[in-house]
Amino acid sequence: MPPQKTQGIVLGSIDWHETSKIVTFYTKDFGKIRGVAKGARRKKSKFSPLEILSRHTIVFYERED
């Protein structure tokens, strides 16, 4: 499947393992989605600004069920 790209708002996040987070987004195109931001808990991570209600461009792959 090709990657999907959309705008989304962070609804919340949960710490996962030592350095990652599971982040919940709301998007206009896909509704509520969750994804893993690997390394998001590191101080110099590119995912550091994933604060609640912040808006981001999201690129993700949909999982096949």
PDB file of N, CA and C in Angstrom:
ATOM      1  N   MET A   1       0.831  -1.186   0.000  1.00  0.00           N
ATOM      2  CA  MET A   1       0.000   0.000   0.000  1.00  0.00           C
ATOM      3  C   MET A   1       0.874   1.248   0.000  1.00  0.00           C
ATOM      4  N   PRO A   2       0.471   2.257  -0.732  1.00  0.00           N
ATOM      5  CA  PRO A   2       1.254   3.499  -0.743  1.00  0.00           C
ATOM      6  C   PRO A   2       1.059   4.272   0.565  1.00  0.00           C
ATOM      7  N   PRO A   3       2.017   5.113   0.918  1.00  0.00           N
ATOM      8  CA  PRO A   3       1.855   5.905   2.139  1.00  0.00           C
ATOM      9  C   PRO A   3       0.740   6.938   1.981  1.00  0.00           C
ATOM     10  N   GLN A   4       0.050   7.213   3.078  1.00  0.00           N
ATOM     11  CA  GLN A   4      -1.006   8.215   3.114  1.00  0.00           C
ATOM     12  C   GLN A   4      -0.432   9.476   3.754  1.00  0.00           C
ATOM     13  N   LYS A   5      -0.882  10.646   3.289  1.00  0.00           N
ATOM     14  CA  LYS A   5      -0.416  11.912   3.849  1.00  0.00           C
ATOM     15  C   LYS A   5      -1.628  12.778   4.142  1.00  0.00           C
ATOM     16  N   THR A   6      -1.703  13.334   5.358  1.00  0.00           N
ATOM     17  CA  THR A   6      -2.843  14.148   5.754  1.00  0.00           C
ATOM     18  C   THR A   6      -2.451  15.070   6.902  1.00  0.00           C
ATOM     19  N   GLN A   7      -3.307  16.021   7.214  1.00  0.00           N
ATOM     20  CA  GLN A   7      -3.141  16.895   8.375  1.00  0.00           C
ATOM     21  C   GLN A   7      -3.897  16.293   9.545  1.00  0.00           C
ATOM     22  N   GLY A   8      -3.361  16.404  10.753  1.00  0.00           N
ATOM     23  CA  GLY A   8      -4.040  15.857  11.921  1.00  0.00           C
ATOM     24  C   GLY A   8      -3.740  16.639  13.183  1.00  0.00           C
ATOM     25  N   ILE A   9      -4.618  16.485  14.171  1.00  0.00           N
ATOM     26  CA  ILE A   9      -4.466  17.118  15.480  1.00  0.00           C
ATOM     27  C   ILE A   9      -4.213  16.015  16.505  1.00  0.00           C
ATOM     28  N   VAL A  10      -3.240  16.216  17.375  1.00  0.00           N
ATOM     29  CA  VAL A  10      -2.913  15.234  18.408  1.00  0.00           C
ATOM     30  C   VAL A  10      -3.987  15.266  19.491  1.00  0.00           C
ATOM     31  N   LEU A  11      -4.627  14.120  19.722  1.00  0.00           N
ATOM     32  CA  LEU A  11      -5.632  14.004  20.777  1.00  0.00           C
ATOM     33  C   LEU A  11      -5.026  13.504  22.082  1.00  0.00           C
ATOM     34  N   GLY A  12      -3.961  12.734  21.994  1.00  0.00           N
ATOM     35  CA  GLY A  12      -3.317  12.210  23.195  1.00  0.00           C
ATOM     36  C   GLY A  12      -2.180  11.284  22.839  1.00  0.00           C
ATOM     37  N   SER A  13      -1.429  10.905  23.857  1.00  0.00           N
ATOM     38  CA  SER A  13      -0.330   9.962  23.638  1.00  0.00           C
ATOM     39  C   SER A  13      -0.093   9.154  24.905  1.00  0.00           C
ATOM     40  N   ILE A  14       0.463   7.974  24.707  1.00  0.00           N
ATOM     41  CA  ILE A  14       0.774   7.053  25.798  1.00  0.00           C
ATOM     42  C   ILE A  14       2.225   6.625  25.633  1.00  0.00           C
ATOM     43  N   ASP A  15       2.997   6.664  26.710  1.00  0.00           N
ATOM     44  CA  ASP A  15       4.376   6.181  26.654  1.00  0.00           C
ATOM     45  C   ASP A  15       4.374   4.689  26.359  1.00  0.00           C
ATOM     46  N   TRP A  16       5.276   4.289  25.479  1.00  0.00           N
ATOM     47  CA  TRP A  16       5.366   2.891  25.066  1.00  0.00           C
ATOM     48  C   TRP A  16       6.832   2.509  24.988  1.00  0.00           C
ATOM     49  N   HIS A  17       7.206   1.486  25.673  1.00  0.00           N
ATOM     50  CA  HIS A  17       8.600   1.054  25.785  1.00  0.00           C
ATOM     51  C   HIS A  17       9.458   2.192  26.342  1.00  0.00           C
ATOM     52  N   GLU A  18      10.743   2.137  26.140  1.00  0.00           N
ATOM     53  CA  GLU A  18      11.642   3.118  26.755  1.00  0.00           C
ATOM     54  C   GLU A  18      11.650   4.459  26.044  1.00  0.00           C
ATOM     55  N   THR A  19      11.530   4.471  24.727  1.00  0.00           N
ATOM     56  CA  THR A  19      11.717   5.735  24.003  1.00  0.00           C
ATOM     57  C   THR A  19      10.573   6.105  23.070  1.00  0.00           C
ATOM     58  N   SER A  20       9.546   5.298  22.975  1.00  0.00           N
ATOM     59  CA  SER A  20       8.489   5.534  21.993  1.00  0.00           C
ATOM     60  C   SER A  20       7.179   5.976  22.634  1.00  0.00           C
ATOM     61  N   LYS A  21       6.253   6.431  21.787  1.00  0.00           N
ATOM     62  CA  LYS A  21       4.908   6.809  22.215  1.00  0.00           C
ATOM     63  C   LYS A  21       3.898   6.253  21.225  1.00  0.00           C
ATOM     64  N   ILE A  22       2.714   5.922  21.720  1.00  0.00           N
ATOM     65  CA  ILE A  22       1.575   5.643  20.854  1.00  0.00           C
ATOM     66  C   ILE A  22       0.766   6.931  20.828  1.00  0.00           C
ATOM     67  N   VAL A  23       0.588   7.498  19.649  1.00  0.00           N
ATOM     68  CA  VAL A  23      -0.053   8.804  19.504  1.00  0.00           C
ATOM     69  C   VAL A  23      -1.399   8.634  18.811  1.00  0.00           C
ATOM     70  N   THR A  24      -2.423   9.322  19.327  1.00  0.00           N
ATOM     71  CA  THR A  24      -3.753   9.319  18.728  1.00  0.00           C
ATOM     72  C   THR A  24      -3.970  10.663  18.045  1.00  0.00           C
ATOM     73  N   PHE A  25      -4.340  10.607  16.766  1.00  0.00           N
ATOM     74  CA  PHE A  25      -4.599  11.807  15.971  1.00  0.00           C
ATOM     75  C   PHE A  25      -6.053  11.827  15.518  1.00  0.00           C
ATOM     76  N   TYR A  26      -6.569  13.020  15.267  1.00  0.00           N
ATOM     77  CA  TYR A  26      -7.843  13.151  14.562  1.00  0.00           C
ATOM     78  C   TYR A  26      -7.539  13.832  13.241  1.00  0.00           C
ATOM     79  N   THR A  27      -7.985  13.214  12.144  1.00  0.00           N
ATOM     80  CA  THR A  27      -7.775  13.778  10.816  1.00  0.00           C
ATOM     81  C   THR A  27      -9.114  13.970  10.121  1.00  0.00           C
ATOM     82  N   LYS A  28      -9.161  14.940   9.257  1.00  0.00           N
ATOM     83  CA  LYS A  28     -10.373  15.220   8.484  1.00  0.00           C
ATOM     84  C   LYS A  28     -10.664  14.091   7.495  1.00  0.00           C
ATOM     85  N   ASP A  29      -9.616  13.529   6.908  1.00  0.00           N
ATOM     86  CA  ASP A  29      -9.768  12.513   5.863  1.00  0.00           C
ATOM     87  C   ASP A  29      -9.979  11.094   6.393  1.00  0.00           C
ATOM     88  N   PHE A  30      -9.341  10.742   7.524  1.00  0.00           N
ATOM     89  CA  PHE A  30      -9.348   9.361   8.010  1.00  0.00           C
ATOM     90  C   PHE A  30     -10.004   9.190   9.373  1.00  0.00           C
ATOM     91  N   GLY A  31     -10.437  10.269   9.998  1.00  0.00           N
ATOM     92  CA  GLY A  31     -11.022  10.177  11.334  1.00  0.00           C
ATOM     93  C   GLY A  31      -9.937   9.976  12.381  1.00  0.00           C
ATOM     94  N   LYS A  32     -10.239   9.190  13.399  1.00  0.00           N
ATOM     95  CA  LYS A  32      -9.294   8.944  14.493  1.00  0.00           C
ATOM     96  C   LYS A  32      -8.342   7.820  14.108  1.00  0.00           C
ATOM     97  N   ILE A  33      -7.051   8.097  14.195  1.00  0.00           N
ATOM     98  CA  ILE A  33      -6.036   7.091  13.889  1.00  0.00           C
ATOM     99  C   ILE A  33      -4.996   7.066  15.007  1.00  0.00           C
ATOM    100  N   ARG A  34      -4.345   5.927  15.162  1.00  0.00           N
ATOM    101  CA  ARG A  34      -3.259   5.763  16.129  1.00  0.00           C
ATOM    102  C   ARG A  34      -2.021   5.284  15.412  1.00  0.00           C
ATOM    103  N   GLY A  35      -0.897   5.700  15.944  1.00  0.00           N
ATOM    104  CA  GLY A  35       0.361   5.257  15.375  1.00  0.00           C
ATOM    105  C   GLY A  35       1.471   5.303  16.398  1.00  0.00           C
ATOM    106  N   VAL A  36       2.557   4.619  16.107  1.00  0.00           N
ATOM    107  CA  VAL A  36       3.718   4.597  16.988  1.00  0.00           C
ATOM    108  C   VAL A  36       4.726   5.620  16.488  1.00  0.00           C
ATOM    109  N   ALA A  37       5.135   6.503  17.377  1.00  0.00           N
ATOM    110  CA  ALA A  37       6.200   7.464  17.083  1.00  0.00           C
ATOM    111  C   ALA A  37       7.459   6.930  17.772  1.00  0.00           C
ATOM    112  N   LYS A  38       8.265   6.202  17.008  1.00  0.00           N
ATOM    113  CA  LYS A  38       9.456   5.574  17.584  1.00  0.00           C
ATOM    114  C   LYS A  38      10.490   6.639  17.940  1.00  0.00           C
ATOM    115  N   GLY A  39      10.992   6.563  19.156  1.00  0.00           N
ATOM    116  CA  GLY A  39      12.003   7.512  19.622  1.00  0.00           C
ATOM    117  C   GLY A  39      11.444   8.849  20.067  1.00  0.00           C
ATOM    118  N   ALA A  40      10.136   8.983  20.196  1.00  0.00           N
ATOM    119  CA  ALA A  40       9.506  10.273  20.519  1.00  0.00           C
ATOM    120  C   ALA A  40       9.847  10.778  21.914  1.00  0.00           C
ATOM    121  N   ARG A  41      10.267   9.914  22.807  1.00  0.00           N
ATOM    122  CA  ARG A  41      10.577  10.330  24.175  1.00  0.00           C
ATOM    123  C   ARG A  41      12.034  10.746  24.357  1.00  0.00           C
ATOM    124  N   ARG A  42      12.832  10.655  23.309  1.00  0.00           N
ATOM    125  CA  ARG A  42      14.221  11.118  23.391  1.00  0.00           C
ATOM    126  C   ARG A  42      14.243  12.642  23.354  1.00  0.00           C
ATOM    127  N   LYS A  43      15.221  13.228  24.012  1.00  0.00           N
ATOM    128  CA  LYS A  43      15.290  14.691  24.104  1.00  0.00           C
ATOM    129  C   LYS A  43      15.469  15.367  22.754  1.00  0.00           C
ATOM    130  N   LYS A  44      16.264  14.801  21.879  1.00  0.00           N
ATOM    131  CA  LYS A  44      16.546  15.424  20.585  1.00  0.00           C
ATOM    132  C   LYS A  44      15.758  14.793  19.443  1.00  0.00           C
ATOM    133  N   SER A  45      14.617  14.221  19.749  1.00  0.00           N
ATOM    134  CA  SER A  45      13.810  13.542  18.742  1.00  0.00           C
ATOM    135  C   SER A  45      13.088  14.535  17.838  1.00  0.00           C
ATOM    136  N   LYS A  46      12.899  14.157  16.580  1.00  0.00           N
ATOM    137  CA  LYS A  46      12.111  14.982  15.666  1.00  0.00           C
ATOM    138  C   LYS A  46      10.626  14.928  16.012  1.00  0.00           C
ATOM    139  N   PHE A  47      10.233  13.985  16.885  1.00  0.00           N
ATOM    140  CA  PHE A  47       8.843  13.867  17.318  1.00  0.00           C
ATOM    141  C   PHE A  47       8.573  14.609  18.624  1.00  0.00           C
ATOM    142  N   SER A  48       9.547  15.308  19.174  1.00  0.00           N
ATOM    143  CA  SER A  48       9.379  15.977  20.465  1.00  0.00           C
ATOM    144  C   SER A  48       8.180  16.913  20.541  1.00  0.00           C
ATOM    145  N   PRO A  49       7.838  17.656  19.489  1.00  0.00           N
ATOM    146  CA  PRO A  49       6.707  18.591  19.610  1.00  0.00           C
ATOM    147  C   PRO A  49       5.324  17.951  19.487  1.00  0.00           C
ATOM    148  N   LEU A  50       5.183  16.662  19.725  1.00  0.00           N
ATOM    149  CA  LEU A  50       3.875  16.008  19.647  1.00  0.00           C
ATOM    150  C   LEU A  50       3.069  16.274  20.917  1.00  0.00           C
ATOM    151  N   GLU A  51       2.666  17.512  21.107  1.00  0.00           N
ATOM    152  CA  GLU A  51       1.880  17.915  22.267  1.00  0.00           C
ATOM    153  C   GLU A  51       0.396  17.827  21.935  1.00  0.00           C
ATOM    154  N   ILE A  52      -0.435  17.672  22.962  1.00  0.00           N
ATOM    155  CA  ILE A  52      -1.885  17.584  22.772  1.00  0.00           C
ATOM    156  C   ILE A  52      -2.396  18.854  22.094  1.00  0.00           C
ATOM    157  N   LEU A  53      -3.286  18.673  21.131  1.00  0.00           N
ATOM    158  CA  LEU A  53      -3.940  19.713  20.327  1.00  0.00           C
ATOM    159  C   LEU A  53      -3.006  20.436  19.364  1.00  0.00           C
ATOM    160  N   SER A  54      -1.793  19.932  19.153  1.00  0.00           N
ATOM    161  CA  SER A  54      -0.925  20.515  18.134  1.00  0.00           C
ATOM    162  C   SER A  54      -1.261  19.890  16.779  1.00  0.00           C
ATOM    163  N   ARG A  55      -1.059  20.645  15.715  1.00  0.00           N
ATOM    164  CA  ARG A  55      -1.406  20.188  14.365  1.00  0.00           C
ATOM    165  C   ARG A  55      -0.138  19.797  13.614  1.00  0.00           C
ATOM    166  N   HIS A  56      -0.215  18.672  12.906  1.00  0.00           N
ATOM    167  CA  HIS A  56       0.950  18.140  12.198  1.00  0.00           C
ATOM    168  C   HIS A  56       0.541  17.544  10.858  1.00  0.00           C
ATOM    169  N   THR A  57       1.498  17.471   9.953  1.00  0.00           N
ATOM    170  CA  THR A  57       1.337  16.691   8.738  1.00  0.00           C
ATOM    171  C   THR A  57       1.787  15.271   9.069  1.00  0.00           C
ATOM    172  N   ILE A  58       0.937  14.304   8.752  1.00  0.00           N
ATOM    173  CA  ILE A  58       1.190  12.912   9.113  1.00  0.00           C
ATOM    174  C   ILE A  58       1.361  12.096   7.838  1.00  0.00           C
ATOM    175  N   VAL A  59       2.402  11.295   7.784  1.00  0.00           N
ATOM    176  CA  VAL A  59       2.606  10.346   6.693  1.00  0.00           C
ATOM    177  C   VAL A  59       2.614   8.961   7.331  1.00  0.00           C
ATOM    178  N   PHE A  60       1.729   8.078   6.855  1.00  0.00           N
ATOM    179  CA  PHE A  60       1.604   6.766   7.485  1.00  0.00           C
ATOM    180  C   PHE A  60       1.197   5.716   6.467  1.00  0.00           C
ATOM    181  N   TYR A  61       1.396   4.471   6.845  1.00  0.00           N
ATOM    182  CA  TYR A  61       0.950   3.326   6.059  1.00  0.00           C
ATOM    183  C   TYR A  61      -0.227   2.697   6.776  1.00  0.00           C
ATOM    184  N   GLU A  62      -1.284   2.384   6.041  1.00  0.00           N
ATOM    185  CA  GLU A  62      -2.418   1.688   6.636  1.00  0.00           C
ATOM    186  C   GLU A  62      -2.075   0.211   6.753  1.00  0.00           C
ATOM    187  N   ARG A  63      -2.462  -0.366   7.866  1.00  0.00           N
ATOM    188  CA  ARG A  63      -2.204  -1.784   8.092  1.00  0.00           C
ATOM    189  C   ARG A  63      -3.314  -2.601   7.450  1.00  0.00           C
ATOM    190  N   GLU A  64      -2.933  -3.682   6.785  1.00  0.00           N
ATOM    191  CA  GLU A  64      -3.924  -4.578   6.194  1.00  0.00           C
ATOM    192  C   GLU A  64      -4.424  -5.531   7.260  1.00  0.00           C
ATOM    193  N   ASP A  65      -5.735  -5.713   7.352  1.00  0.00           N
ATOM    194  CA  ASP A  65      -6.314  -6.619   8.351  1.00  0.00           C
ATOM    195  C   ASP A  65      -6.590  -7.978   7.782  1.00  0.00           C
TER     196      ASP A  65
END
